Structure formats: structure tokens, C-alpha cells
């Protein structure tokens, strides 16, 4: 449930943190932060 905090695991110049007061905000933050998952066949 909310409120809850979502953080990107990496350097984000002080902006990789979302303090989500609603679940909708939290779900959006997860989608945004995990949106760059590697594609099939990508390495490194």
C-alpha cells in the first residue's frame, strides 16, 4: 500500500527517488525505472 518510496538503483543526480503518496504514483515509478530492461540478445 501507500505511501511508499520507490528508488532507482543507480546514480540519478538526486532525482531517482519517488515518494509516492498513492499506489498509482508508485506503479508508474516502477514502470519508469524498470522500463529499460535489456532486450533479448543484448549483452553487457
ModelCIF file with pLDDT and N, C-alpha, C, O atoms, coordinates in Angstrom:
data_MODEL
#
_entry.id   MODEL 
#
_entity.id                         1 
_entity.type                       polymer 
_entity.pdbx_number_of_molecules   1 
#
_entity_poly.entity_id                      1 
_entity_poly.type                           'polypeptide(L)' 
_entity_poly.nstd_linkage                   no 
_entity_poly.nstd_monomer                   no 
_entity_poly.pdbx_seq_one_letter_code       
;(UNK)(UNK)(UNK)(UNK)(UNK)(UNK)(UNK)(UNK)(UNK)(UNK)(UNK)(UNK)(UNK)(UNK)(UNK)(UNK)
(UNK)(UNK)(UNK)(UNK)(UNK)(UNK)(UNK)(UNK)(UNK)(UNK)(UNK)(UNK)(UNK)(UNK)(UNK)(UNK)
(UNK)(UNK)(UNK)(UNK)(UNK)(UNK)(UNK)(UNK)(UNK)(UNK)(UNK)(UNK)
;
_entity_poly.pdbx_seq_one_letter_code_can   XXXXXXXXXXXXXXXXXXXXXXXXXXXXXXXXXXXXXXXXXXXX 
_entity_poly.pdbx_strand_id                 A 
#
loop_
_entity_poly_seq.entity_id 
_entity_poly_seq.num 
_entity_poly_seq.mon_id 
_entity_poly_seq.hetero 
1 1  UNK n 
1 2  UNK n 
1 3  UNK n 
1 4  UNK n 
1 5  UNK n 
1 6  UNK n 
1 7  UNK n 
1 8  UNK n 
1 9  UNK n 
1 10 UNK n 
1 11 UNK n 
1 12 UNK n 
1 13 UNK n 
1 14 UNK n 
1 15 UNK n 
1 16 UNK n 
1 17 UNK n 
1 18 UNK n 
1 19 UNK n 
1 20 UNK n 
1 21 UNK n 
1 22 UNK n 
1 23 UNK n 
1 24 UNK n 
1 25 UNK n 
1 26 UNK n 
1 27 UNK n 
1 28 UNK n 
1 29 UNK n 
1 30 UNK n 
1 31 UNK n 
1 32 UNK n 
1 33 UNK n 
1 34 UNK n 
1 35 UNK n 
1 36 UNK n 
1 37 UNK n 
1 38 UNK n 
1 39 UNK n 
1 40 UNK n 
1 41 UNK n 
1 42 UNK n 
1 43 UNK n 
1 44 UNK n 
#
_struct_asym.id          A 
_struct_asym.entity_id   1 
#
loop_
_ma_qa_metric.id 
_ma_qa_metric.mode 
_ma_qa_metric.name 
_ma_qa_metric.software_group_id 
_ma_qa_metric.type 
1 global pLDDT . pLDDT 
2 local  pLDDT . pLDDT 
#
_ma_qa_metric_global.metric_id      1 
_ma_qa_metric_global.metric_value   76.64 
_ma_qa_metric_global.model_id       1 
_ma_qa_metric_global.ordinal_id     1 
#
loop_
_ma_qa_metric_local.label_asym_id 
_ma_qa_metric_local.label_comp_id 
_ma_qa_metric_local.label_seq_id 
_ma_qa_metric_local.metric_id 
_ma_qa_metric_local.metric_value 
_ma_qa_metric_local.model_id 
_ma_qa_metric_local.ordinal_id 
A UNK 1  2 96.00 1 1  
A UNK 2  2 95.00 1 2  
A UNK 3  2 96.00 1 3  
A UNK 4  2 96.00 1 4  
A UNK 5  2 94.00 1 5  
A UNK 6  2 94.00 1 6  
A UNK 7  2 90.00 1 7  
A UNK 8  2 87.00 1 8  
A UNK 9  2 85.00 1 9  
A UNK 10 2 71.00 1 10 
A UNK 11 2 61.00 1 11 
A UNK 12 2 55.00 1 12 
A UNK 13 2 49.00 1 13 
A UNK 14 2 50.00 1 14 
A UNK 15 2 52.00 1 15 
A UNK 16 2 77.00 1 16 
A UNK 17 2 85.00 1 17 
A UNK 18 2 88.00 1 18 
A UNK 19 2 89.00 1 19 
A UNK 20 2 93.00 1 20 
A UNK 21 2 93.00 1 21 
A UNK 22 2 96.00 1 22 
A UNK 23 2 96.00 1 23 
A UNK 24 2 96.00 1 24 
A UNK 25 2 94.00 1 25 
A UNK 26 2 95.00 1 26 
A UNK 27 2 96.00 1 27 
A UNK 28 2 93.00 1 28 
A UNK 29 2 93.00 1 29 
A UNK 30 2 94.00 1 30 
A UNK 31 2 93.00 1 31 
A UNK 32 2 90.00 1 32 
A UNK 33 2 90.00 1 33 
A UNK 34 2 90.00 1 34 
A UNK 35 2 80.00 1 35 
A UNK 36 2 52.00 1 36 
A UNK 37 2 43.00 1 37 
A UNK 38 2 37.00 1 38 
A UNK 39 2 40.00 1 39 
A UNK 40 2 41.00 1 40 
A UNK 41 2 41.00 1 41 
A UNK 42 2 40.00 1 42 
A UNK 43 2 42.00 1 43 
A UNK 44 2 44.00 1 44 
#
loop_
_atom_site.group_PDB 
_atom_site.id 
_atom_site.type_symbol 
_atom_site.label_atom_id 
_atom_site.label_alt_id 
_atom_site.label_comp_id 
_atom_site.label_asym_id 
_atom_site.label_entity_id 
_atom_site.label_seq_id 
_atom_site.pdbx_PDB_ins_code 
_atom_site.Cartn_x 
_atom_site.Cartn_y 
_atom_site.Cartn_z 
_atom_site.occupancy 
_atom_site.B_iso_or_equiv 
_atom_site.pdbx_formal_charge 
_atom_site.auth_seq_id 
_atom_site.auth_comp_id 
_atom_site.auth_asym_id 
_atom_site.auth_atom_id 
_atom_site.pdbx_PDB_model_num 
ATOM 1   N N  . UNK A 1 1  ? 0.821  -1.221  0.000   1.00 96.00 ? 1  UNK A N  1 
ATOM 2   C CA . UNK A 1 1  ? 0.000  0.000   0.000   1.00 96.00 ? 1  UNK A CA 1 
ATOM 3   C C  . UNK A 1 1  ? 0.851  1.265   0.000   1.00 96.00 ? 1  UNK A C  1 
ATOM 4   O O  . UNK A 1 1  ? 2.079  1.210   -0.056  1.00 96.00 ? 1  UNK A O  1 
ATOM 5   N N  . UNK A 1 2  ? 0.162  2.415   0.064   1.00 95.00 ? 2  UNK A N  1 
ATOM 6   C CA . UNK A 1 2  ? 0.845  3.715   0.042   1.00 95.00 ? 2  UNK A CA 1 
ATOM 7   C C  . UNK A 1 2  ? 0.570  4.454   1.355   1.00 95.00 ? 2  UNK A C  1 
ATOM 8   O O  . UNK A 1 2  ? -0.360 4.095   2.077   1.00 95.00 ? 2  UNK A O  1 
ATOM 9   N N  . UNK A 1 3  ? 1.376  5.490   1.676   1.00 96.00 ? 3  UNK A N  1 
ATOM 10  C CA . UNK A 1 3  ? 2.525  5.988   0.921   1.00 96.00 ? 3  UNK A CA 1 
ATOM 11  C C  . UNK A 1 3  ? 3.703  5.016   0.982   1.00 96.00 ? 3  UNK A C  1 
ATOM 12  O O  . UNK A 1 3  ? 3.843  4.230   1.919   1.00 96.00 ? 3  UNK A O  1 
ATOM 13  N N  . UNK A 1 4  ? 4.543  5.100   -0.051  1.00 96.00 ? 4  UNK A N  1 
ATOM 14  C CA . UNK A 1 4  ? 5.681  4.201   -0.156  1.00 96.00 ? 4  UNK A CA 1 
ATOM 15  C C  . UNK A 1 4  ? 6.745  4.886   -1.022  1.00 96.00 ? 4  UNK A C  1 
ATOM 16  O O  . UNK A 1 4  ? 6.427  5.805   -1.777  1.00 96.00 ? 4  UNK A O  1 
ATOM 17  N N  . UNK A 1 5  ? 7.991  4.450   -0.917  1.00 94.00 ? 5  UNK A N  1 
ATOM 18  C CA . UNK A 1 5  ? 9.093  5.119   -1.619  1.00 94.00 ? 5  UNK A CA 1 
ATOM 19  C C  . UNK A 1 5  ? 9.709  4.173   -2.647  1.00 94.00 ? 5  UNK A C  1 
ATOM 20  O O  . UNK A 1 5  ? 10.008 3.021   -2.336  1.00 94.00 ? 5  UNK A O  1 
ATOM 21  N N  . UNK A 1 6  ? 9.897  4.663   -3.872  1.00 94.00 ? 6  UNK A N  1 
ATOM 22  C CA . UNK A 1 6  ? 10.493 3.878   -4.956  1.00 94.00 ? 6  UNK A CA 1 
ATOM 23  C C  . UNK A 1 6  ? 11.789 4.565   -5.378  1.00 94.00 ? 6  UNK A C  1 
ATOM 24  O O  . UNK A 1 6  ? 11.793 5.754   -5.696  1.00 94.00 ? 6  UNK A O  1 
ATOM 25  N N  . UNK A 1 7  ? 12.901 3.801   -5.379  1.00 90.00 ? 7  UNK A N  1 
ATOM 26  C CA . UNK A 1 7  ? 14.214 4.370   -5.707  1.00 90.00 ? 7  UNK A CA 1 
ATOM 27  C C  . UNK A 1 7  ? 14.855 3.592   -6.842  1.00 90.00 ? 7  UNK A C  1 
ATOM 28  O O  . UNK A 1 7  ? 14.836 2.362   -6.856  1.00 90.00 ? 7  UNK A O  1 
ATOM 29  N N  . UNK A 1 8  ? 15.422 4.323   -7.792  1.00 87.00 ? 8  UNK A N  1 
ATOM 30  C CA . UNK A 1 8  ? 16.218 3.691   -8.845  1.00 87.00 ? 8  UNK A CA 1 
ATOM 31  C C  . UNK A 1 8  ? 17.554 3.278   -8.254  1.00 87.00 ? 8  UNK A C  1 
ATOM 32  O O  . UNK A 1 8  ? 18.167 4.043   -7.509  1.00 87.00 ? 8  UNK A O  1 
ATOM 33  N N  . UNK A 1 9  ? 18.014 2.065   -8.583  1.00 85.00 ? 9  UNK A N  1 
ATOM 34  C CA . UNK A 1 9  ? 19.285 1.578   -8.063  1.00 85.00 ? 9  UNK A CA 1 
ATOM 35  C C  . UNK A 1 9  ? 20.426 2.048   -8.965  1.00 85.00 ? 9  UNK A C  1 
ATOM 36  O O  . UNK A 1 9  ? 20.842 1.341   -9.883  1.00 85.00 ? 9  UNK A O  1 
ATOM 37  N N  . UNK A 1 10 ? 20.913 3.237   -8.689  1.00 71.00 ? 10 UNK A N  1 
ATOM 38  C CA . UNK A 1 10 ? 21.989 3.792   -9.501  1.00 71.00 ? 10 UNK A CA 1 
ATOM 39  C C  . UNK A 1 10 ? 22.045 5.287   -9.301  1.00 71.00 ? 10 UNK A C  1 
ATOM 40  O O  . UNK A 1 10 ? 21.240 5.854   -8.562  1.00 71.00 ? 10 UNK A O  1 
ATOM 41  N N  . UNK A 1 11 ? 23.004 5.934   -9.967  1.00 61.00 ? 11 UNK A N  1 
ATOM 42  C CA . UNK A 1 11 ? 23.145 7.372   -9.832  1.00 61.00 ? 11 UNK A CA 1 
ATOM 43  C C  . UNK A 1 11 ? 22.042 8.077   -10.611 1.00 61.00 ? 11 UNK A C  1 
ATOM 44  O O  . UNK A 1 11 ? 21.777 7.761   -11.771 1.00 61.00 ? 11 UNK A O  1 
ATOM 45  N N  . UNK A 1 12 ? 21.403 9.042   -9.944  1.00 55.00 ? 12 UNK A N  1 
ATOM 46  C CA . UNK A 1 12 ? 20.304 9.746   -10.606 1.00 55.00 ? 12 UNK A CA 1 
ATOM 47  C C  . UNK A 1 12 ? 20.317 11.230  -10.293 1.00 55.00 ? 12 UNK A C  1 
ATOM 48  O O  . UNK A 1 12 ? 19.286 11.897  -10.378 1.00 55.00 ? 12 UNK A O  1 
ATOM 49  N N  . UNK A 1 13 ? 21.507 11.758  -9.925  1.00 49.00 ? 13 UNK A N  1 
ATOM 50  C CA . UNK A 1 13 ? 21.688 13.196  -9.660  1.00 49.00 ? 13 UNK A CA 1 
ATOM 51  C C  . UNK A 1 13 ? 20.672 13.719  -8.659  1.00 49.00 ? 13 UNK A C  1 
ATOM 52  O O  . UNK A 1 13 ? 20.177 14.837  -8.797  1.00 49.00 ? 13 UNK A O  1 
ATOM 53  N N  . UNK A 1 14 ? 20.360 12.912  -7.650  1.00 50.00 ? 14 UNK A N  1 
ATOM 54  C CA . UNK A 1 14 ? 19.432 13.347  -6.607  1.00 50.00 ? 14 UNK A CA 1 
ATOM 55  C C  . UNK A 1 14 ? 17.973 13.290  -6.999  1.00 50.00 ? 14 UNK A C  1 
ATOM 56  O O  . UNK A 1 14 ? 17.111 13.733  -6.240  1.00 50.00 ? 14 UNK A O  1 
ATOM 57  N N  . UNK A 1 15 ? 17.676 12.742  -8.194  1.00 52.00 ? 15 UNK A N  1 
ATOM 58  C CA . UNK A 1 15 ? 16.284 12.748  -8.661  1.00 52.00 ? 15 UNK A CA 1 
ATOM 59  C C  . UNK A 1 15 ? 15.732 11.342  -8.916  1.00 52.00 ? 15 UNK A C  1 
ATOM 60  O O  . UNK A 1 15 ? 14.683 11.200  -9.544  1.00 52.00 ? 15 UNK A O  1 
ATOM 61  N N  . UNK A 1 16 ? 16.422 10.305  -8.438  1.00 77.00 ? 16 UNK A N  1 
ATOM 62  C CA . UNK A 1 16 ? 15.967 8.942   -8.693  1.00 77.00 ? 16 UNK A CA 1 
ATOM 63  C C  . UNK A 1 16 ? 15.096 8.384   -7.597  1.00 77.00 ? 16 UNK A C  1 
ATOM 64  O O  . UNK A 1 16 ? 15.050 7.172   -7.385  1.00 77.00 ? 16 UNK A O  1 
ATOM 65  N N  . UNK A 1 17 ? 14.398 9.270   -6.893  1.00 85.00 ? 17 UNK A N  1 
ATOM 66  C CA . UNK A 1 17 ? 13.546 8.851   -5.776  1.00 85.00 ? 17 UNK A CA 1 
ATOM 67  C C  . UNK A 1 17 ? 12.138 9.397   -5.990  1.00 85.00 ? 17 UNK A C  1 
ATOM 68  O O  . UNK A 1 17 ? 11.955 10.585  -6.259  1.00 85.00 ? 17 UNK A O  1 
ATOM 69  N N  . UNK A 1 18 ? 11.147 8.517   -5.868  1.00 88.00 ? 18 UNK A N  1 
ATOM 70  C CA . UNK A 1 18 ? 9.750  8.946   -5.919  1.00 88.00 ? 18 UNK A CA 1 
ATOM 71  C C  . UNK A 1 18 ? 9.096  8.601   -4.593  1.00 88.00 ? 18 UNK A C  1 
ATOM 72  O O  . UNK A 1 18 ? 8.987  7.432   -4.222  1.00 88.00 ? 18 UNK A O  1 
ATOM 73  N N  . UNK A 1 19 ? 8.662  9.640   -3.882  1.00 89.00 ? 19 UNK A N  1 
ATOM 74  C CA . UNK A 1 19 ? 7.893  9.435   -2.648  1.00 89.00 ? 19 UNK A CA 1 
ATOM 75  C C  . UNK A 1 19 ? 6.428  9.401   -3.083  1.00 89.00 ? 19 UNK A C  1 
ATOM 76  O O  . UNK A 1 19 ? 5.792  10.441  -3.255  1.00 89.00 ? 19 UNK A O  1 
ATOM 77  N N  . UNK A 1 20 ? 5.912  8.194   -3.255  1.00 93.00 ? 20 UNK A N  1 
ATOM 78  C CA . UNK A 1 20 ? 4.579  8.005   -3.840  1.00 93.00 ? 20 UNK A CA 1 
ATOM 79  C C  . UNK A 1 20 ? 3.507  8.060   -2.751  1.00 93.00 ? 20 UNK A C  1 
ATOM 80  O O  . UNK A 1 20 ? 3.474  7.215   -1.856  1.00 93.00 ? 20 UNK A O  1 
ATOM 81  N N  . UNK A 1 21 ? 2.645  9.047   -2.838  1.00 93.00 ? 21 UNK A N  1 
ATOM 82  C CA . UNK A 1 21 ? 1.560  9.164   -1.856  1.00 93.00 ? 21 UNK A CA 1 
ATOM 83  C C  . UNK A 1 21 ? 0.350  8.319   -2.256  1.00 93.00 ? 21 UNK A C  1 
ATOM 84  O O  . UNK A 1 21 ? -0.545 8.086   -1.443  1.00 93.00 ? 21 UNK A O  1 
ATOM 85  N N  . UNK A 1 22 ? 0.328  7.861   -3.511  1.00 96.00 ? 22 UNK A N  1 
ATOM 86  C CA . UNK A 1 22 ? -0.735 6.962   -3.966  1.00 96.00 ? 22 UNK A CA 1 
ATOM 87  C C  . UNK A 1 22 ? -0.103 5.745   -4.632  1.00 96.00 ? 22 UNK A C  1 
ATOM 88  O O  . UNK A 1 22 ? 1.043  5.796   -5.079  1.00 96.00 ? 22 UNK A O  1 
ATOM 89  N N  . UNK A 1 23 ? -0.864 4.647   -4.694  1.00 96.00 ? 23 UNK A N  1 
ATOM 90  C CA . UNK A 1 23 ? -0.364 3.443   -5.361  1.00 96.00 ? 23 UNK A CA 1 
ATOM 91  C C  . UNK A 1 23 ? -0.152 3.683   -6.852  1.00 96.00 ? 23 UNK A C  1 
ATOM 92  O O  . UNK A 1 23 ? 0.776  3.137   -7.448  1.00 96.00 ? 23 UNK A O  1 
ATOM 93  N N  . UNK A 1 24 ? -1.017 4.501   -7.453  1.00 96.00 ? 24 UNK A N  1 
ATOM 94  C CA . UNK A 1 24 ? -0.881 4.794   -8.881  1.00 96.00 ? 24 UNK A CA 1 
ATOM 95  C C  . UNK A 1 24 ? 0.489  5.417   -9.166  1.00 96.00 ? 24 UNK A C  1 
ATOM 96  O O  . UNK A 1 24 ? 1.167  5.030   -10.118 1.00 96.00 ? 24 UNK A O  1 
ATOM 97  N N  . UNK A 1 25 ? 0.893  6.390   -8.327  1.00 94.00 ? 25 UNK A N  1 
ATOM 98  C CA . UNK A 1 25 ? 2.217  7.013   -8.469  1.00 94.00 ? 25 UNK A CA 1 
ATOM 99  C C  . UNK A 1 25 ? 3.328  5.971   -8.348  1.00 94.00 ? 25 UNK A C  1 
ATOM 100 O O  . UNK A 1 25 ? 4.287  5.979   -9.120  1.00 94.00 ? 25 UNK A O  1 
ATOM 101 N N  . UNK A 1 26 ? 3.189  5.085   -7.382  1.00 95.00 ? 26 UNK A N  1 
ATOM 102 C CA . UNK A 1 26 ? 4.212  4.066   -7.132  1.00 95.00 ? 26 UNK A CA 1 
ATOM 103 C C  . UNK A 1 26 ? 4.338  3.116   -8.316  1.00 95.00 ? 26 UNK A C  1 
ATOM 104 O O  . UNK A 1 26 ? 5.447  2.792   -8.740  1.00 95.00 ? 26 UNK A O  1 
ATOM 105 N N  . UNK A 1 27 ? 3.201  2.668   -8.850  1.00 96.00 ? 27 UNK A N  1 
ATOM 106 C CA . UNK A 1 27 ? 3.224  1.762   -10.009 1.00 96.00 ? 27 UNK A CA 1 
ATOM 107 C C  . UNK A 1 27 ? 3.870  2.447   -11.223 1.00 96.00 ? 27 UNK A C  1 
ATOM 108 O O  . UNK A 1 27 ? 4.634  1.827   -11.963 1.00 96.00 ? 27 UNK A O  1 
ATOM 109 N N  . UNK A 1 28 ? 3.549  3.739   -11.415 1.00 93.00 ? 28 UNK A N  1 
ATOM 110 C CA . UNK A 1 28 ? 4.140  4.488   -12.536 1.00 93.00 ? 28 UNK A CA 1 
ATOM 111 C C  . UNK A 1 28 ? 5.655  4.596   -12.377 1.00 93.00 ? 28 UNK A C  1 
ATOM 112 O O  . UNK A 1 28 ? 6.399  4.471   -13.350 1.00 93.00 ? 28 UNK A O  1 
ATOM 113 N N  . UNK A 1 29 ? 6.108  4.831   -11.132 1.00 93.00 ? 29 UNK A N  1 
ATOM 114 C CA . UNK A 1 29 ? 7.541  4.955   -10.865 1.00 93.00 ? 29 UNK A CA 1 
ATOM 115 C C  . UNK A 1 29 ? 8.272  3.647   -11.175 1.00 93.00 ? 29 UNK A C  1 
ATOM 116 O O  . UNK A 1 29 ? 9.356  3.659   -11.759 1.00 93.00 ? 29 UNK A O  1 
ATOM 117 N N  . UNK A 1 30 ? 7.672  2.523   -10.782 1.00 94.00 ? 30 UNK A N  1 
ATOM 118 C CA . UNK A 1 30 ? 8.281  1.217   -11.062 1.00 94.00 ? 30 UNK A CA 1 
ATOM 119 C C  . UNK A 1 30 ? 8.389  0.997   -12.569 1.00 94.00 ? 30 UNK A C  1 
ATOM 120 O O  . UNK A 1 30 ? 9.434  0.578   -13.065 1.00 94.00 ? 30 UNK A O  1 
ATOM 121 N N  . UNK A 1 31 ? 7.308  1.280   -13.294 1.00 93.00 ? 31 UNK A N  1 
ATOM 122 C CA . UNK A 1 31 ? 7.336  1.103   -14.751 1.00 93.00 ? 31 UNK A CA 1 
ATOM 123 C C  . UNK A 1 31 ? 8.398  1.974   -15.404 1.00 93.00 ? 31 UNK A C  1 
ATOM 124 O O  . UNK A 1 31 ? 9.087  1.547   -16.330 1.00 93.00 ? 31 UNK A O  1 
ATOM 125 N N  . UNK A 1 32 ? 8.520  3.199   -14.910 1.00 90.00 ? 32 UNK A N  1 
ATOM 126 C CA . UNK A 1 32 ? 9.500  4.130   -15.478 1.00 90.00 ? 32 UNK A CA 1 
ATOM 127 C C  . UNK A 1 32 ? 10.923 3.657   -15.187 1.00 90.00 ? 32 UNK A C  1 
ATOM 128 O O  . UNK A 1 32 ? 11.771 3.637   -16.079 1.00 90.00 ? 32 UNK A O  1 
ATOM 129 N N  . UNK A 1 33 ? 11.179 3.279   -13.940 1.00 90.00 ? 33 UNK A N  1 
ATOM 130 C CA . UNK A 1 33 ? 12.541 2.912   -13.536 1.00 90.00 ? 33 UNK A CA 1 
ATOM 131 C C  . UNK A 1 33 ? 12.992 1.560   -14.078 1.00 90.00 ? 33 UNK A C  1 
ATOM 132 O O  . UNK A 1 33 ? 14.185 1.342   -14.292 1.00 90.00 ? 33 UNK A O  1 
ATOM 133 N N  . UNK A 1 34 ? 12.042 0.653   -14.301 1.00 90.00 ? 34 UNK A N  1 
ATOM 134 C CA . UNK A 1 34 ? 12.396 -0.653  -14.852 1.00 90.00 ? 34 UNK A CA 1 
ATOM 135 C C  . UNK A 1 34 ? 12.142 -0.729  -16.353 1.00 90.00 ? 34 UNK A C  1 
ATOM 136 O O  . UNK A 1 34 ? 12.225 -1.802  -16.952 1.00 90.00 ? 34 UNK A O  1 
ATOM 137 N N  . UNK A 1 35 ? 11.834 0.414   -16.954 1.00 80.00 ? 35 UNK A N  1 
ATOM 138 C CA . UNK A 1 35 ? 11.461 0.440   -18.379 1.00 80.00 ? 35 UNK A CA 1 
ATOM 139 C C  . UNK A 1 35 ? 12.593 0.136   -19.324 1.00 80.00 ? 35 UNK A C  1 
ATOM 140 O O  . UNK A 1 35 ? 12.351 -0.180  -20.489 1.00 80.00 ? 35 UNK A O  1 
ATOM 141 N N  . UNK A 1 36 ? 13.854 0.224   -18.847 1.00 52.00 ? 36 UNK A N  1 
ATOM 142 C CA . UNK A 1 36 ? 14.980 -0.003  -19.749 1.00 52.00 ? 36 UNK A CA 1 
ATOM 143 C C  . UNK A 1 36 ? 15.531 -1.411  -19.669 1.00 52.00 ? 36 UNK A C  1 
ATOM 144 O O  . UNK A 1 36 ? 16.719 -1.620  -19.915 1.00 52.00 ? 36 UNK A O  1 
ATOM 145 N N  . UNK A 1 37 ? 14.692 -2.387  -19.331 1.00 43.00 ? 37 UNK A N  1 
ATOM 146 C CA . UNK A 1 37 ? 15.181 -3.773  -19.237 1.00 43.00 ? 37 UNK A CA 1 
ATOM 147 C C  . UNK A 1 37 ? 15.826 -4.215  -20.546 1.00 43.00 ? 37 UNK A C  1 
ATOM 148 O O  . UNK A 1 37 ? 15.365 -3.865  -21.632 1.00 43.00 ? 37 UNK A O  1 
ATOM 149 N N  . UNK A 1 38 ? 16.901 -4.991  -20.422 1.00 37.00 ? 38 UNK A N  1 
ATOM 150 C CA . UNK A 1 38 ? 17.640 -5.352  -21.624 1.00 37.00 ? 38 UNK A CA 1 
ATOM 151 C C  . UNK A 1 38 ? 16.812 -6.224  -22.574 1.00 37.00 ? 38 UNK A C  1 
ATOM 152 O O  . UNK A 1 38 ? 16.015 -7.058  -22.144 1.00 37.00 ? 38 UNK A O  1 
ATOM 153 N N  . UNK A 1 39 ? 17.017 -6.012  -23.836 1.00 40.00 ? 39 UNK A N  1 
ATOM 154 C CA . UNK A 1 39 ? 16.284 -6.724  -24.865 1.00 40.00 ? 39 UNK A CA 1 
ATOM 155 C C  . UNK A 1 39 ? 16.913 -8.099  -25.115 1.00 40.00 ? 39 UNK A C  1 
ATOM 156 O O  . UNK A 1 39 ? 18.093 -8.294  -24.824 1.00 40.00 ? 39 UNK A O  1 
ATOM 157 N N  . UNK A 1 40 ? 16.145 -9.049  -25.647 1.00 41.00 ? 40 UNK A N  1 
ATOM 158 C CA . UNK A 1 40 ? 16.715 -10.367 -25.950 1.00 41.00 ? 40 UNK A CA 1 
ATOM 159 C C  . UNK A 1 40 ? 17.926 -10.229 -26.872 1.00 41.00 ? 40 UNK A C  1 
ATOM 160 O O  . UNK A 1 40 ? 17.893 -9.489  -27.856 1.00 41.00 ? 40 UNK A O  1 
ATOM 161 N N  . UNK A 1 41 ? 18.983 -10.948 -26.538 1.00 41.00 ? 41 UNK A N  1 
ATOM 162 C CA . UNK A 1 41 ? 20.179 -10.918 -27.373 1.00 41.00 ? 41 UNK A CA 1 
ATOM 163 C C  . UNK A 1 41 ? 21.170 -9.832  -27.011 1.00 41.00 ? 41 UNK A C  1 
ATOM 164 O O  . UNK A 1 41 ? 22.310 -9.854  -27.474 1.00 41.00 ? 41 UNK A O  1 
ATOM 165 N N  . UNK A 1 42 ? 20.729 -8.831  -26.145 1.00 40.00 ? 42 UNK A N  1 
ATOM 166 C CA . UNK A 1 42 ? 21.646 -7.769  -25.736 1.00 40.00 ? 42 UNK A CA 1 
ATOM 167 C C  . UNK A 1 42 ? 22.633 -8.301  -24.706 1.00 40.00 ? 42 UNK A C  1 
ATOM 168 O O  . UNK A 1 42 ? 22.279 -9.126  -23.864 1.00 40.00 ? 42 UNK A O  1 
ATOM 169 N N  . UNK A 1 43 ? 23.842 -7.836  -24.777 1.00 42.00 ? 43 UNK A N  1 
ATOM 170 C CA . UNK A 1 43 ? 24.831 -8.225  -23.755 1.00 42.00 ? 43 UNK A CA 1 
ATOM 171 C C  . UNK A 1 43 ? 25.489 -6.976  -23.196 1.00 42.00 ? 43 UNK A C  1 
ATOM 172 O O  . UNK A 1 43 ? 25.501 -5.922  -23.832 1.00 42.00 ? 43 UNK A O  1 
ATOM 173 N N  . UNK A 1 44 ? 26.034 -7.112  -21.998 1.00 44.00 ? 44 UNK A N  1 
ATOM 174 C CA . UNK A 1 44 ? 26.770 -6.001  -21.393 1.00 44.00 ? 44 UNK A CA 1 
ATOM 175 C C  . UNK A 1 44 ? 25.899 -4.870  -20.900 1.00 44.00 ? 44 UNK A C  1 
ATOM 176 O O  . UNK A 1 44 ? 26.410 -3.882  -20.373 1.00 44.00 ? 44 UNK A O  1 
#
